[in-house]
Amino acid sequence: MSGQGKILVTGGAGYIGSHACVELLQAGYEIVVVDNLSNSKTEALVRAQQLAGKPLTFYQVDIRDKAALTAIFAQEIITTVIHFAGLKSVGESCAQPALYYHNNVYGTLVLTEVMAAAGVKQLVFSSSATVYGESVSPQYAEDFPLGPINPYGRSKAMVEDILRDLAAADAINAEPMPWKIALLRYFNPIGAHASGLIGEDPNGIPNNLMPYVAQVAIGKLPQLSVFGDDYPTPDGTGIRDYIHVVDLVKGHIQAITALAGESFAKGGCRPYNLGTGQGYSVLDIIHAFERVTGCPVKYKVVGRRAGDLAECFANPDRALQELGWRAEKNLDDMVADTWNWQSKNPQGYTA
């Protein structure tokens, strides 16, 4: 696919971004990575290139730096952008909402302004299931009402609104080269590359369940707090849709193909759930981890967290019908690959 221009991957040194780099390079794409390294490390990119056996181009740039971003678009022949760059901790967003709006919303505004000026209007956006509100059904489809309950989710929903408006304005103005945008709403990405060379390496104490479980199992953290065991679910703990990170990033490659295809010929902005359609409880995850790895996971039940839903999982039908994508890896794969990464890299990339 060389000679057709390059894919710009913002936030490409992060957890999901680095896995996307491997899959994109292996699929034959040339890629340019932009990352400010605020919550990622260049070692992830070194290893991604090692796994793919191909090079990438890296710029240490913040997407809010309009001049630096403009210079990259002038230097590189870019046809499509996959936009991962953004902050992603729900708890931190509640403590520092302005930081999240500045990074996630303003950063995307700068990116889209630079893209439009460069005539690059194909975008795959890293959104989140947190854009949804509470629902009568625990299985969320793309046409369900949006109603995020924390600043992180609101920042993603705001960006979705901006991108829909950009696409709609192009339709009204009959732009000859309209915006083509896929909004990919992730459920709960976990796992790591099967090699154990790249994986999730959060700064400080993990915010997400699986890396926390792995760090308890390896002895880095003393125990896991399970937030509530009195939900109306089979074992009383919250149920979520967990998806293997490699399945997730393959969805982005399918989205790139779709944007170049007939269904987006006249432009547009479409949301797609990326999930398995299967829910697992917190205790399901703990027990699967113990079974697959043979390592005990010490935990204690504490009170519920404000804003947590009892049950939330994806309806992934649209992604199958329109992108030709479905998740292939099961929970045992997710656990085994997480443990392979954690046990080989007990201190993450810093070792």
Protein backbone atom coordinates (compact mmCIF):
# COMPACT_ATOMS: atom_id res chain seq x y z
CA MET A 1 0.00 0.00 0.00
CA SER A 2 3.02 2.26 -0.18
CA GLY A 3 2.70 5.00 -2.75
CA GLN A 4 -0.88 5.70 -1.60
CA GLY A 5 0.18 8.13 1.09
CA LYS A 6 0.64 7.55 4.79
CA ILE A 7 -1.57 7.06 7.80
CA LEU A 8 -1.01 9.58 10.61
CA VAL A 9 -1.47 7.94 14.02
CA THR A 10 -1.89 10.44 16.84
CA GLY A 11 -1.09 8.99 20.25
CA GLY A 12 0.65 6.13 18.48
CA ALA A 13 3.06 5.39 21.34
CA GLY A 14 0.20 4.65 23.75
CA TYR A 15 -1.36 1.32 24.67
CA ILE A 16 -3.88 1.06 21.82
CA GLY A 17 -1.85 3.22 19.44
CA SER A 18 1.27 1.02 19.62
CA HIS A 19 -0.77 -2.10 18.86
CA ALA A 20 -2.37 -0.25 15.93
CA CYS A 21 1.10 0.61 14.62
CA VAL A 22 2.03 -3.08 14.49
CA GLU A 23 -1.15 -4.08 12.65
CA LEU A 24 -0.97 -1.15 10.22
CA LEU A 25 2.67 -1.84 9.33
CA GLN A 26 1.95 -5.55 8.91
CA ALA A 27 -1.03 -4.69 6.66
CA GLY A 28 1.33 -2.77 4.37
CA TYR A 29 0.56 0.81 5.39
CA GLU A 30 3.25 3.45 5.85
CA ILE A 31 2.68 5.33 9.09
CA VAL A 32 3.64 8.57 10.79
CA VAL A 33 3.24 8.73 14.57
CA VAL A 34 2.63 11.92 16.54
CA ASP A 35 2.76 11.64 20.35
CA ASN A 36 3.68 14.06 23.14
CA LEU A 37 4.78 11.13 25.38
CA SER A 38 2.74 12.48 28.32
CA ASN A 39 1.44 8.98 29.09
CA SER A 40 3.53 6.77 26.79
CA LYS A 41 7.10 5.78 26.00
CA THR A 42 9.14 5.64 22.80
CA GLU A 43 10.18 2.06 23.70
CA ALA A 44 6.66 1.01 22.64
CA LEU A 45 7.40 2.32 19.13
CA VAL A 46 10.83 0.65 19.07
CA ARG A 47 9.18 -2.68 19.85
CA ALA A 48 6.27 -2.11 17.45
CA GLN A 49 8.76 -1.67 14.59
CA GLN A 50 10.64 -4.75 15.78
CA LEU A 51 7.44 -6.83 15.70
CA ALA A 52 6.37 -5.56 12.28
CA GLY A 53 9.86 -5.72 10.79
CA LYS A 54 9.20 -2.32 9.22
CA PRO A 55 10.03 1.29 10.14
CA LEU A 56 7.73 4.16 11.03
CA THR A 57 8.28 7.90 11.26
CA PHE A 58 7.92 9.50 14.72
CA TYR A 59 7.43 13.14 15.74
CA GLN A 60 7.32 14.09 19.41
CA VAL A 61 4.62 16.73 19.05
CA ASP A 62 1.51 17.72 21.00
CA ILE A 63 -1.56 17.85 18.75
CA ARG A 64 -2.43 21.25 20.28
CA ASP A 65 0.75 22.67 18.71
CA LYS A 66 -0.78 23.91 15.46
CA ALA A 67 2.47 25.11 13.89
CA ALA A 68 4.29 21.83 14.54
CA LEU A 69 1.33 19.77 13.29
CA THR A 70 1.05 21.93 10.15
CA ALA A 71 4.75 21.35 9.44
CA ILE A 72 4.24 17.57 9.65
CA PHE A 73 1.39 17.70 7.10
CA ALA A 74 3.64 19.78 4.84
CA GLN A 75 6.50 17.28 5.20
CA GLU A 76 4.54 14.01 4.88
CA ILE A 77 2.01 12.81 2.28
CA ILE A 78 -0.86 11.87 4.60
CA THR A 79 -4.19 10.52 3.37
CA THR A 80 -5.91 9.39 6.59
CA VAL A 81 -5.63 10.10 10.32
CA ILE A 82 -6.31 7.67 13.17
CA HIS A 83 -6.80 9.85 16.23
CA PHE A 84 -5.92 8.12 19.51
CA ALA A 85 -4.27 11.10 21.25
CA GLY A 86 -6.15 12.09 24.40
CA LEU A 87 -6.38 11.61 28.14
CA LYS A 88 -8.47 8.66 29.26
CA SER A 89 -8.90 8.35 33.05
CA VAL A 90 -12.45 8.80 34.30
CA GLY A 91 -11.28 9.56 37.86
CA GLU A 92 -8.67 12.07 36.74
CA SER A 93 -11.21 13.77 34.47
CA CYS A 94 -13.48 14.35 37.47
CA ALA A 95 -10.58 15.89 39.42
CA GLN A 96 -9.19 17.91 36.49
CA PRO A 97 -11.98 18.48 33.96
CA ALA A 98 -10.35 21.52 32.28
CA LEU A 99 -7.29 19.40 31.46
CA TYR A 100 -9.53 16.87 29.67
CA TYR A 101 -11.45 19.46 27.68
CA HIS A 102 -8.23 21.18 26.65
CA ASN A 103 -6.48 17.96 25.60
CA ASN A 104 -9.34 16.00 24.12
CA VAL A 105 -11.63 18.69 22.68
CA TYR A 106 -9.30 21.59 21.85
CA GLY A 107 -6.64 19.13 20.65
CA THR A 108 -9.11 17.62 18.18
CA LEU A 109 -10.19 21.08 16.97
CA VAL A 110 -6.57 21.94 16.18
CA LEU A 111 -6.06 18.58 14.45
CA THR A 112 -9.15 18.96 12.24
CA GLU A 113 -8.24 22.55 11.33
CA VAL A 114 -4.77 21.41 10.22
CA MET A 115 -6.23 18.41 8.36
CA ALA A 116 -8.76 20.56 6.49
CA ALA A 117 -6.09 23.09 5.54
CA ALA A 118 -3.98 20.23 4.16
CA GLY A 119 -6.92 18.71 2.27
CA VAL A 120 -6.88 15.53 4.41
CA LYS A 121 -10.45 14.69 5.45
CA GLN A 122 -10.47 10.96 6.26
CA LEU A 123 -10.51 10.40 10.03
CA VAL A 124 -10.92 7.40 12.34
CA PHE A 125 -11.69 8.73 15.83
CA SER A 126 -11.00 6.87 19.05
CA SER A 127 -14.27 7.37 20.94
CA SER A 128 -15.68 5.46 23.90
CA ALA A 129 -18.74 3.66 25.20
CA THR A 130 -18.73 6.29 27.99
CA VAL A 131 -20.59 8.60 25.57
CA TYR A 132 -23.77 6.56 26.21
CA GLY A 133 -26.22 7.38 28.97
CA GLU A 134 -28.19 4.99 31.13
CA SER A 135 -30.46 2.72 29.14
CA VAL A 136 -33.33 0.32 29.66
CA SER A 137 -31.20 -2.28 27.86
CA PRO A 138 -27.70 -3.27 29.01
CA GLN A 139 -26.71 -3.97 25.39
CA TYR A 140 -25.88 -0.66 23.76
CA ALA A 141 -26.48 0.05 20.06
CA GLU A 142 -25.16 3.08 18.19
CA ASP A 143 -28.58 4.76 18.00
CA PHE A 144 -29.04 4.75 21.79
CA PRO A 145 -29.22 8.21 23.40
CA LEU A 146 -25.95 9.77 24.48
CA GLY A 147 -25.61 11.00 28.05
CA PRO A 148 -22.07 10.75 29.41
CA ILE A 149 -21.81 11.05 33.20
CA ASN A 150 -18.20 12.18 33.65
CA PRO A 151 -15.90 14.78 32.02
CA TYR A 152 -13.92 12.11 30.14
CA GLY A 153 -17.08 10.76 28.50
CA ARG A 154 -18.36 14.30 27.88
CA SER A 155 -15.09 15.24 26.17
CA LYS A 156 -15.50 12.28 23.78
CA ALA A 157 -19.16 13.15 23.16
CA MET A 158 -18.22 16.79 22.44
CA VAL A 159 -15.65 15.66 19.89
CA GLU A 160 -18.25 13.40 18.27
CA ASP A 161 -20.61 16.42 18.01
CA ILE A 162 -17.85 18.53 16.43
CA LEU A 163 -17.03 15.82 13.88
CA ARG A 164 -20.71 15.27 13.00
CA ASP A 165 -21.08 19.02 12.46
CA LEU A 166 -18.01 19.15 10.20
CA ALA A 167 -19.40 16.33 8.05
CA ALA A 168 -22.88 17.89 7.97
CA ALA A 169 -21.50 21.28 6.91
CA ASP A 170 -19.67 19.64 4.00
CA ALA A 171 -22.93 17.99 2.92
CA ILE A 172 -24.81 21.32 3.06
CA ASN A 173 -22.06 23.09 1.12
CA ALA A 174 -21.75 20.22 -1.39
CA GLU A 175 -17.99 20.11 -0.82
CA PRO A 176 -16.27 18.16 -3.61
CA MET A 177 -13.98 16.51 -1.03
CA PRO A 178 -16.17 15.95 2.05
CA TRP A 179 -15.22 14.72 5.50
CA LYS A 180 -15.29 10.92 5.89
CA ILE A 181 -15.29 10.02 9.57
CA ALA A 182 -15.68 6.78 11.53
CA LEU A 183 -16.40 7.19 15.26
CA LEU A 184 -15.22 4.00 16.97
CA ARG A 185 -16.81 3.57 20.38
CA TYR A 186 -14.60 1.26 22.42
CA PHE A 187 -15.92 -0.83 25.23
CA ASN A 188 -13.13 -2.13 27.54
CA PRO A 189 -9.84 -2.90 25.73
CA ILE A 190 -7.58 -5.37 27.56
CA GLY A 191 -4.87 -7.88 26.65
CA ALA A 192 -1.57 -7.35 24.87
CA HIS A 193 0.32 -8.46 21.78
CA ALA A 194 0.83 -12.25 21.87
CA SER A 195 4.61 -11.75 21.79
CA GLY A 196 4.57 -10.03 25.18
CA LEU A 197 6.71 -7.24 23.70
CA ILE A 198 4.06 -4.51 23.90
CA GLY A 199 1.17 -4.03 26.28
CA GLU A 200 -0.50 -1.64 28.68
CA ASP A 201 1.99 0.30 30.81
CA PRO A 202 0.00 2.86 32.84
CA ASN A 203 1.74 5.62 34.76
CA GLY A 204 1.40 4.99 38.50
CA ILE A 205 -1.49 2.90 39.82
CA PRO A 206 -3.68 1.54 36.99
CA ASN A 207 -7.15 2.99 36.49
CA ASN A 208 -8.43 -0.06 34.60
CA LEU A 209 -9.35 -3.48 35.97
CA MET A 210 -7.13 -5.88 34.00
CA PRO A 211 -3.74 -4.16 34.50
CA TYR A 212 -4.63 -3.78 38.19
CA VAL A 213 -5.44 -7.50 38.47
CA ALA A 214 -2.14 -8.34 36.72
CA GLN A 215 -0.14 -6.11 39.06
CA VAL A 216 -1.78 -7.71 42.11
CA ALA A 217 -1.01 -11.18 40.71
CA ILE A 218 2.66 -10.33 40.17
CA GLY A 219 2.96 -8.79 43.66
CA LYS A 220 3.36 -5.16 42.56
CA LEU A 221 0.09 -4.13 44.26
CA PRO A 222 -1.27 -5.69 47.49
CA GLN A 223 -4.91 -6.27 46.54
CA LEU A 224 -7.74 -5.29 44.24
CA SER A 225 -10.74 -3.28 45.39
CA VAL A 226 -14.00 -4.58 43.92
CA PHE A 227 -16.42 -1.66 43.84
CA GLY A 228 -19.74 -3.11 44.96
CA ASP A 229 -21.12 -6.66 45.09
CA ASP A 230 -24.78 -5.69 45.40
CA TYR A 231 -25.61 -4.92 41.78
CA PRO A 232 -28.57 -6.73 40.13
CA THR A 233 -26.20 -9.12 38.30
CA PRO A 234 -25.65 -12.88 38.79
CA ASP A 235 -22.72 -12.44 41.22
CA GLY A 236 -23.48 -8.87 42.34
CA THR A 237 -20.48 -7.28 40.61
CA GLY A 238 -20.56 -4.96 37.61
CA ILE A 239 -20.64 -6.48 34.12
CA ARG A 240 -18.69 -5.00 31.22
CA ASP A 241 -17.73 -5.89 27.64
CA TYR A 242 -13.98 -6.62 27.46
CA ILE A 243 -12.32 -6.68 24.06
CA HIS A 244 -8.80 -7.81 23.12
CA VAL A 245 -6.70 -4.83 22.07
CA VAL A 246 -5.54 -6.61 18.89
CA ASP A 247 -9.16 -7.23 17.84
CA LEU A 248 -9.87 -3.57 18.60
CA VAL A 249 -7.09 -2.18 16.42
CA LYS A 250 -8.07 -4.46 13.54
CA GLY A 251 -11.39 -2.62 13.64
CA HIS A 252 -9.49 0.56 12.78
CA ILE A 253 -7.97 -1.03 9.69
CA GLN A 254 -11.44 -2.15 8.58
CA ALA A 255 -12.66 1.42 9.17
CA ILE A 256 -9.89 2.85 6.93
CA THR A 257 -11.01 0.48 4.16
CA ALA A 258 -14.65 1.50 4.65
CA LEU A 259 -13.85 5.24 4.48
CA ALA A 260 -12.27 4.68 1.07
CA GLY A 261 -15.24 2.63 -0.13
CA GLU A 262 -18.63 3.21 -1.70
CA SER A 263 -20.57 3.70 1.54
CA PHE A 264 -18.57 6.86 2.34
CA ALA A 265 -18.32 8.08 -1.30
CA LYS A 266 -20.39 11.17 -0.47
CA GLY A 267 -18.76 11.69 2.92
CA GLY A 268 -20.39 11.36 6.32
CA CYS A 269 -19.77 10.57 9.97
CA ARG A 270 -20.83 7.21 11.39
CA PRO A 271 -20.46 5.66 14.87
CA TYR A 272 -19.48 2.02 15.37
CA ASN A 273 -19.36 -0.01 18.59
CA LEU A 274 -16.19 -2.06 19.01
CA GLY A 275 -16.98 -4.74 21.55
CA THR A 276 -17.61 -8.47 21.70
CA GLY A 277 -21.31 -8.31 22.60
CA GLN A 278 -20.53 -10.48 25.65
CA GLY A 279 -20.47 -9.18 29.22
CA TYR A 280 -18.20 -10.40 32.04
CA SER A 281 -18.43 -9.48 35.70
CA VAL A 282 -15.50 -8.29 37.82
CA LEU A 283 -15.47 -11.67 39.58
CA ASP A 284 -15.54 -13.44 36.19
CA ILE A 285 -12.35 -11.58 35.28
CA ILE A 286 -10.65 -12.41 38.59
CA HIS A 287 -11.58 -16.11 38.40
CA ALA A 288 -10.52 -16.38 34.75
CA PHE A 289 -7.19 -14.77 35.62
CA GLU A 290 -6.60 -17.22 38.46
CA ARG A 291 -7.58 -20.18 36.30
CA VAL A 292 -5.48 -19.25 33.25
CA THR A 293 -2.35 -18.08 35.11
CA GLY A 294 -2.45 -20.21 38.27
CA CYS A 295 -1.81 -17.03 40.27
CA PRO A 296 -4.09 -16.01 43.14
CA VAL A 297 -5.61 -12.52 42.98
CA LYS A 298 -6.28 -11.03 46.41
CA TYR A 299 -9.28 -8.71 46.50
CA LYS A 300 -11.70 -7.04 48.89
CA VAL A 301 -15.20 -5.74 48.25
CA VAL A 302 -15.69 -2.03 48.92
CA GLY A 303 -18.55 0.38 48.27
CA ARG A 304 -19.87 1.20 44.82
CA ARG A 305 -18.31 4.02 42.82
CA ALA A 306 -20.55 6.93 41.88
CA GLY A 307 -21.70 6.72 38.27
CA ASP A 308 -20.96 3.04 37.67
CA LEU A 309 -23.64 1.15 35.75
CA ALA A 310 -24.59 -2.39 36.77
CA GLU A 311 -24.23 -3.78 33.27
CA CYS A 312 -22.99 -2.47 29.94
CA PHE A 313 -21.99 -4.35 26.80
CA ALA A 314 -21.97 -3.72 23.07
CA ASN A 315 -24.29 -4.52 20.26
CA PRO A 316 -21.57 -4.97 17.61
CA ASP A 317 -23.86 -5.74 14.66
CA ARG A 318 -23.25 -2.51 12.73
CA ALA A 319 -19.46 -3.02 12.74
CA LEU A 320 -19.99 -6.50 11.30
CA GLN A 321 -22.46 -5.37 8.64
CA GLU A 322 -20.70 -2.16 7.52
CA LEU A 323 -17.03 -2.72 8.37
CA GLY A 324 -16.87 -6.51 8.05
CA TRP A 325 -15.36 -6.62 11.56
CA ARG A 326 -15.98 -8.83 14.56
CA ALA A 327 -13.96 -9.68 17.65
CA GLU A 328 -12.24 -13.06 17.42
CA LYS A 329 -10.34 -13.51 20.69
CA ASN A 330 -11.98 -14.85 23.85
CA LEU A 331 -11.52 -14.01 27.53
CA ASP A 332 -8.84 -16.69 28.04
CA ASP A 333 -6.82 -15.12 25.19
CA MET A 334 -7.15 -11.70 26.82
CA VAL A 335 -5.99 -13.01 30.20
CA ALA A 336 -3.13 -15.12 28.81
CA ASP A 337 -1.77 -12.24 26.72
CA THR A 338 -2.08 -9.78 29.62
CA TRP A 339 -0.13 -12.14 31.88
CA ASN A 340 2.49 -12.83 29.21
CA TRP A 341 3.14 -9.07 28.92
CA GLN A 342 3.05 -8.43 32.68
CA SER A 343 5.32 -11.35 33.61
CA LYS A 344 7.88 -10.48 30.92
CA ASN A 345 7.75 -6.76 31.74
CA PRO A 346 7.04 -6.47 35.49
CA GLN A 347 8.08 -2.79 35.47
CA GLY A 348 6.53 -2.05 32.06
CA TYR A 349 8.77 -0.45 29.48
CA THR A 350 11.09 1.12 32.04
CA ALA A 351 12.90 -2.12 32.83
